[in-house]
Amino acid sequence: MWHATDLCRHCGLCITKGYRGELCPRKLNPEQIVLSEQGYGPARNIVAFTGGDVACQAEFYAEATEKIKSRCSSKLWVLLETNGYGLTPENLDLLASAGLDSFWLDIKAYNEETYRRLCGVTNRWILKTPEWIVDRGFTLEVLSLYIPGWVETDQLVKIAELLCNVNSEIPFTLLAFFPAHKLLSGRSPTIKEMLSAYKAVKGVGLKNVKLGNCQVFIKSRSDLKKLLGTVGLEAIG
């Protein structure tokens, strides 16, 4: 979420319409953009385990990582997207020894009661995983959803404080929630709520903060102008 927007915003306008979008980093030529099952973007040297999270099966990811690395002569990064539940110190040591490079850690909530309501389990050791991950030399990105009525600015600030105490350089993305599955009765955050959360999180001292799922709360060109004027292009994921 943080590193993957440096070269391309994945809109595909340079190919489908013949012009660059307003948020384009303007670092690539259209000939360097490819179409994959996940949309438009540049080919990257990253293999990501994403989607369903079974990080508790660390042996599988360790073996898969070793096989990927053994078959690639050039530098290839292996990333694991996870909610952190399976990232015990023992599993992290195993993944480190296998050559896994990075984690995209989804911290659902800071408050344990809220976390249990969302995920059905405790978050006690999940809140310790950023320190465990960084201590072992992995690259770490963290994301959290702004879910009105569930996870709002107060909890996002607590997560930011936790990360800042580990390393103020850790990239942190605030994603806008949109109703789905068992949370269809909820609502998405407004631009005012997202900008307020961004300012509060930045105030903690984290240096690398972005807003994601911006299409959820940007409803007009005036909203986009306000967003760009407040956080700048670099802070839009």
Protein backbone atom coordinates (compact mmCIF):
# COMPACT_ATOMS: atom_id res chain seq x y z
CA MET A 1 0.00 0.00 0.00
CA TRP A 2 2.85 2.38 0.74
CA HIS A 3 5.62 1.30 -1.61
CA ALA A 4 3.41 0.23 -4.51
CA THR A 5 2.14 3.74 -5.32
CA ASP A 6 5.56 5.28 -5.99
CA LEU A 7 5.52 4.46 -9.69
CA CYS A 8 1.86 4.06 -10.64
CA ARG A 9 -1.65 4.72 -9.30
CA HIS A 10 -3.03 1.79 -11.33
CA CYS A 11 -5.84 3.75 -12.97
CA GLY A 12 -4.92 2.62 -16.49
CA LEU A 13 -5.92 5.95 -18.07
CA CYS A 14 -2.63 6.23 -19.97
CA ILE A 15 -3.62 3.05 -21.83
CA THR A 16 -7.42 3.17 -21.98
CA LYS A 17 -7.83 6.93 -22.59
CA GLY A 18 -4.42 8.02 -23.83
CA TYR A 19 -3.78 10.58 -21.08
CA ARG A 20 -2.45 10.55 -17.53
CA GLY A 21 -4.71 10.88 -14.49
CA GLU A 22 -4.38 13.77 -12.04
CA LEU A 23 -2.72 11.54 -9.45
CA CYS A 24 -0.20 9.96 -11.82
CA PRO A 25 3.41 10.00 -10.48
CA ARG A 26 4.57 10.47 -14.12
CA LYS A 27 7.53 8.15 -13.71
CA LEU A 28 6.66 5.47 -16.30
CA ASN A 29 5.82 5.34 -19.97
CA PRO A 30 2.54 3.69 -21.04
CA GLU A 31 4.62 0.92 -22.64
CA GLN A 32 5.75 -0.07 -19.14
CA ILE A 33 2.19 -0.61 -17.89
CA VAL A 34 0.76 -4.12 -18.09
CA LEU A 35 -2.72 -5.55 -17.58
CA SER A 36 -3.08 -8.31 -15.00
CA GLU A 37 -6.02 -9.95 -13.25
CA GLN A 38 -5.73 -7.27 -10.56
CA GLY A 39 -5.75 -4.33 -12.95
CA TYR A 40 -3.24 -2.01 -14.59
CA GLY A 41 0.25 -1.34 -13.30
CA PRO A 42 3.98 -1.96 -13.77
CA ALA A 43 5.47 -5.41 -13.46
CA ARG A 44 7.21 -5.60 -10.07
CA ASN A 45 9.75 -7.81 -8.36
CA ILE A 46 7.29 -8.73 -5.60
CA VAL A 47 5.44 -11.98 -4.93
CA ALA A 48 2.66 -11.43 -2.40
CA PHE A 49 0.69 -13.95 -0.38
CA THR A 50 -2.62 -12.14 0.04
CA GLY A 51 -6.33 -12.78 0.40
CA GLY A 52 -7.27 -15.44 2.95
CA ASP A 53 -4.92 -15.32 5.93
CA VAL A 54 -3.55 -18.64 7.15
CA ALA A 55 -0.28 -17.32 8.60
CA CYS A 56 -0.65 -19.83 11.44
CA GLN A 57 0.51 -22.36 8.82
CA ALA A 58 3.96 -20.79 8.83
CA GLU A 59 5.62 -23.96 7.54
CA PHE A 60 3.75 -23.63 4.24
CA TYR A 61 4.82 -20.01 3.72
CA ALA A 62 8.38 -20.79 4.74
CA GLU A 63 8.66 -23.66 2.25
CA ALA A 64 6.97 -21.66 -0.51
CA THR A 65 9.30 -18.70 0.10
CA GLU A 66 12.37 -20.90 -0.07
CA LYS A 67 11.22 -22.43 -3.37
CA ILE A 68 10.41 -19.02 -4.88
CA LYS A 69 13.82 -17.66 -3.92
CA SER A 70 15.65 -20.74 -5.20
CA ARG A 71 14.08 -20.41 -8.65
CA CYS A 72 14.75 -16.69 -9.16
CA SER A 73 18.23 -15.49 -10.05
CA SER A 74 17.36 -11.80 -9.64
CA LYS A 75 16.26 -10.08 -6.45
CA LEU A 76 12.65 -10.97 -5.74
CA TRP A 77 10.76 -9.78 -2.69
CA VAL A 78 8.27 -12.05 -0.93
CA LEU A 79 5.52 -10.34 1.05
CA LEU A 80 2.89 -11.79 3.38
CA GLU A 81 -0.34 -9.91 4.00
CA THR A 82 -1.72 -10.89 7.39
CA ASN A 83 -3.90 -9.86 10.32
CA GLY A 84 -1.01 -10.92 12.55
CA TYR A 85 -2.80 -13.66 14.44
CA GLY A 86 -0.32 -16.35 13.39
CA LEU A 87 2.79 -14.22 13.86
CA THR A 88 4.15 -15.74 17.03
CA PRO A 89 7.87 -15.24 17.73
CA GLU A 90 8.48 -18.85 16.72
CA ASN A 91 6.67 -18.45 13.39
CA LEU A 92 8.45 -15.17 12.69
CA ASP A 93 11.81 -16.82 13.29
CA LEU A 94 10.87 -19.60 10.86
CA LEU A 95 9.78 -17.11 8.19
CA ALA A 96 12.93 -15.07 8.66
CA SER A 97 15.12 -18.13 8.20
CA ALA A 98 13.22 -18.96 4.99
CA GLY A 99 13.98 -15.55 3.50
CA LEU A 100 10.57 -13.84 3.70
CA ASP A 101 11.16 -10.11 3.17
CA SER A 102 8.15 -8.14 4.31
CA PHE A 103 4.74 -7.98 5.96
CA TRP A 104 1.61 -6.02 5.22
CA LEU A 105 0.03 -6.07 8.67
CA ASP A 106 -3.69 -5.35 9.04
CA ILE A 107 -4.39 -4.18 12.60
CA LYS A 108 -8.17 -4.28 12.82
CA ALA A 109 -8.57 -2.38 16.12
CA TYR A 110 -6.64 -1.27 19.20
CA ASN A 111 -9.41 -1.83 21.73
CA GLU A 112 -9.58 -5.50 22.64
CA GLU A 113 -13.37 -5.57 23.01
CA THR A 114 -13.80 -3.98 19.58
CA TYR A 115 -11.29 -6.42 18.11
CA ARG A 116 -13.22 -9.37 19.56
CA ARG A 117 -16.46 -8.06 18.08
CA LEU A 118 -14.84 -7.72 14.66
CA CYS A 119 -12.62 -10.82 14.61
CA GLY A 120 -13.76 -13.11 17.42
CA VAL A 121 -10.33 -13.28 19.09
CA THR A 122 -8.00 -11.24 21.28
CA ASN A 123 -5.49 -8.78 19.86
CA ARG A 124 -3.09 -8.96 22.83
CA TRP A 125 -0.10 -10.35 20.96
CA ILE A 126 -1.12 -8.82 17.62
CA LEU A 127 -0.29 -5.40 19.08
CA LYS A 128 3.18 -6.74 19.87
CA THR A 129 3.87 -7.97 16.33
CA PRO A 130 5.16 -4.65 14.91
CA GLU A 131 8.05 -4.71 17.38
CA TRP A 132 8.69 -8.42 16.78
CA ILE A 133 8.65 -7.91 12.99
CA VAL A 134 11.00 -4.92 12.99
CA ASP A 135 13.39 -6.56 15.47
CA ARG A 136 13.87 -9.41 12.99
CA GLY A 137 14.76 -7.12 10.11
CA PHE A 138 11.59 -7.48 8.02
CA THR A 139 10.16 -4.59 6.03
CA LEU A 140 6.81 -3.64 7.58
CA GLU A 141 3.77 -1.75 6.35
CA VAL A 142 0.67 -1.39 8.57
CA LEU A 143 -2.89 -0.57 7.63
CA SER A 144 -6.05 0.02 9.63
CA LEU A 145 -9.62 0.70 8.59
CA TYR A 146 -11.62 3.72 9.72
CA ILE A 147 -14.97 2.10 10.52
CA PRO A 148 -17.50 4.64 11.84
CA GLY A 149 -18.92 3.49 15.15
CA TRP A 150 -16.27 0.80 15.50
CA VAL A 151 -12.73 1.99 14.81
CA GLU A 152 -12.41 5.75 14.73
CA THR A 153 -9.73 8.40 15.33
CA ASP A 154 -9.12 7.53 18.98
CA GLN A 155 -8.16 3.92 18.21
CA LEU A 156 -6.21 4.85 15.09
CA VAL A 157 -4.14 7.26 17.17
CA LYS A 158 -3.41 4.48 19.68
CA ILE A 159 -2.20 2.23 16.87
CA ALA A 160 -0.07 5.08 15.51
CA GLU A 161 1.47 5.63 18.96
CA LEU A 162 2.30 1.94 19.18
CA LEU A 163 4.03 2.05 15.79
CA CYS A 164 5.85 5.28 16.56
CA ASN A 165 7.29 3.73 19.73
CA VAL A 166 8.77 0.98 17.55
CA ASN A 167 9.97 3.15 14.66
CA SER A 168 8.52 6.45 13.48
CA GLU A 169 9.40 5.50 9.87
CA ILE A 170 6.94 2.58 9.71
CA PRO A 171 4.48 3.25 6.85
CA PHE A 172 0.87 3.45 8.09
CA THR A 173 -2.14 3.56 5.76
CA LEU A 174 -5.59 4.64 6.95
CA LEU A 175 -8.15 2.87 4.79
CA ALA A 176 -11.72 4.06 4.39
CA PHE A 177 -14.22 1.31 5.22
CA PHE A 178 -17.08 0.48 2.88
CA PRO A 179 -20.04 -1.69 3.95
CA ALA A 180 -19.74 -5.37 3.03
CA HIS A 181 -20.59 -8.88 4.25
CA LYS A 182 -21.73 -8.78 7.90
CA LEU A 183 -21.18 -5.03 8.18
CA LEU A 184 -23.61 -4.02 5.46
CA SER A 185 -25.55 -1.92 7.95
CA GLY A 186 -22.55 0.31 8.58
CA ARG A 187 -21.50 3.41 6.67
CA SER A 188 -18.33 4.73 5.10
CA PRO A 189 -16.39 7.57 6.72
CA THR A 190 -16.71 11.10 5.37
CA ILE A 191 -13.84 13.16 3.99
CA LYS A 192 -13.98 15.27 7.16
CA GLU A 193 -13.55 12.17 9.33
CA MET A 194 -10.68 10.81 7.24
CA LEU A 195 -8.80 14.11 7.19
CA SER A 196 -9.31 14.51 10.94
CA ALA A 197 -7.92 11.02 11.55
CA TYR A 198 -4.97 11.71 9.23
CA LYS A 199 -4.05 14.90 11.09
CA ALA A 200 -4.35 13.19 14.48
CA VAL A 201 -2.19 10.24 13.40
CA LYS A 202 0.45 12.55 11.90
CA GLY A 203 0.43 14.48 15.16
CA VAL A 204 1.66 11.39 16.98
CA GLY A 205 4.95 11.60 15.10
CA LEU A 206 4.65 8.95 12.40
CA LYS A 207 6.44 10.21 9.30
CA ASN A 208 4.91 8.00 6.60
CA VAL A 209 1.11 8.14 6.65
CA LYS A 210 -1.26 7.68 3.71
CA LEU A 211 -4.99 7.59 3.10
CA GLY A 212 -6.38 4.65 1.13
CA ASN A 213 -9.68 3.71 -0.54
CA CYS A 214 -10.03 7.42 -1.28
CA GLN A 215 -12.75 6.74 -3.85
CA VAL A 216 -14.99 5.81 -0.91
CA PHE A 217 -15.07 9.31 0.58
CA ILE A 218 -14.20 11.50 -2.42
CA LYS A 219 -17.58 12.37 -3.91
CA SER A 220 -16.76 15.39 -6.06
CA ARG A 221 -13.94 17.38 -7.62
CA SER A 222 -14.14 19.81 -4.72
CA ASP A 223 -13.53 16.88 -2.36
CA LEU A 224 -10.50 15.85 -4.42
CA LYS A 225 -9.18 19.41 -4.40
CA LYS A 226 -9.63 19.58 -0.63
CA LEU A 227 -7.87 16.25 -0.17
CA LEU A 228 -4.89 17.23 -2.31
CA GLY A 229 -4.69 20.63 -0.66
CA THR A 230 -4.70 19.13 2.83
CA VAL A 231 -2.49 16.04 2.62
CA GLY A 232 -0.72 16.36 -0.76
CA LEU A 233 -0.34 13.83 -3.56
CA GLU A 234 2.28 11.78 -1.70
CA ALA A 235 -0.18 10.96 1.11
CA ILE A 236 -2.81 9.45 -1.18
CA GLY A 237 -2.61 5.69 -1.52
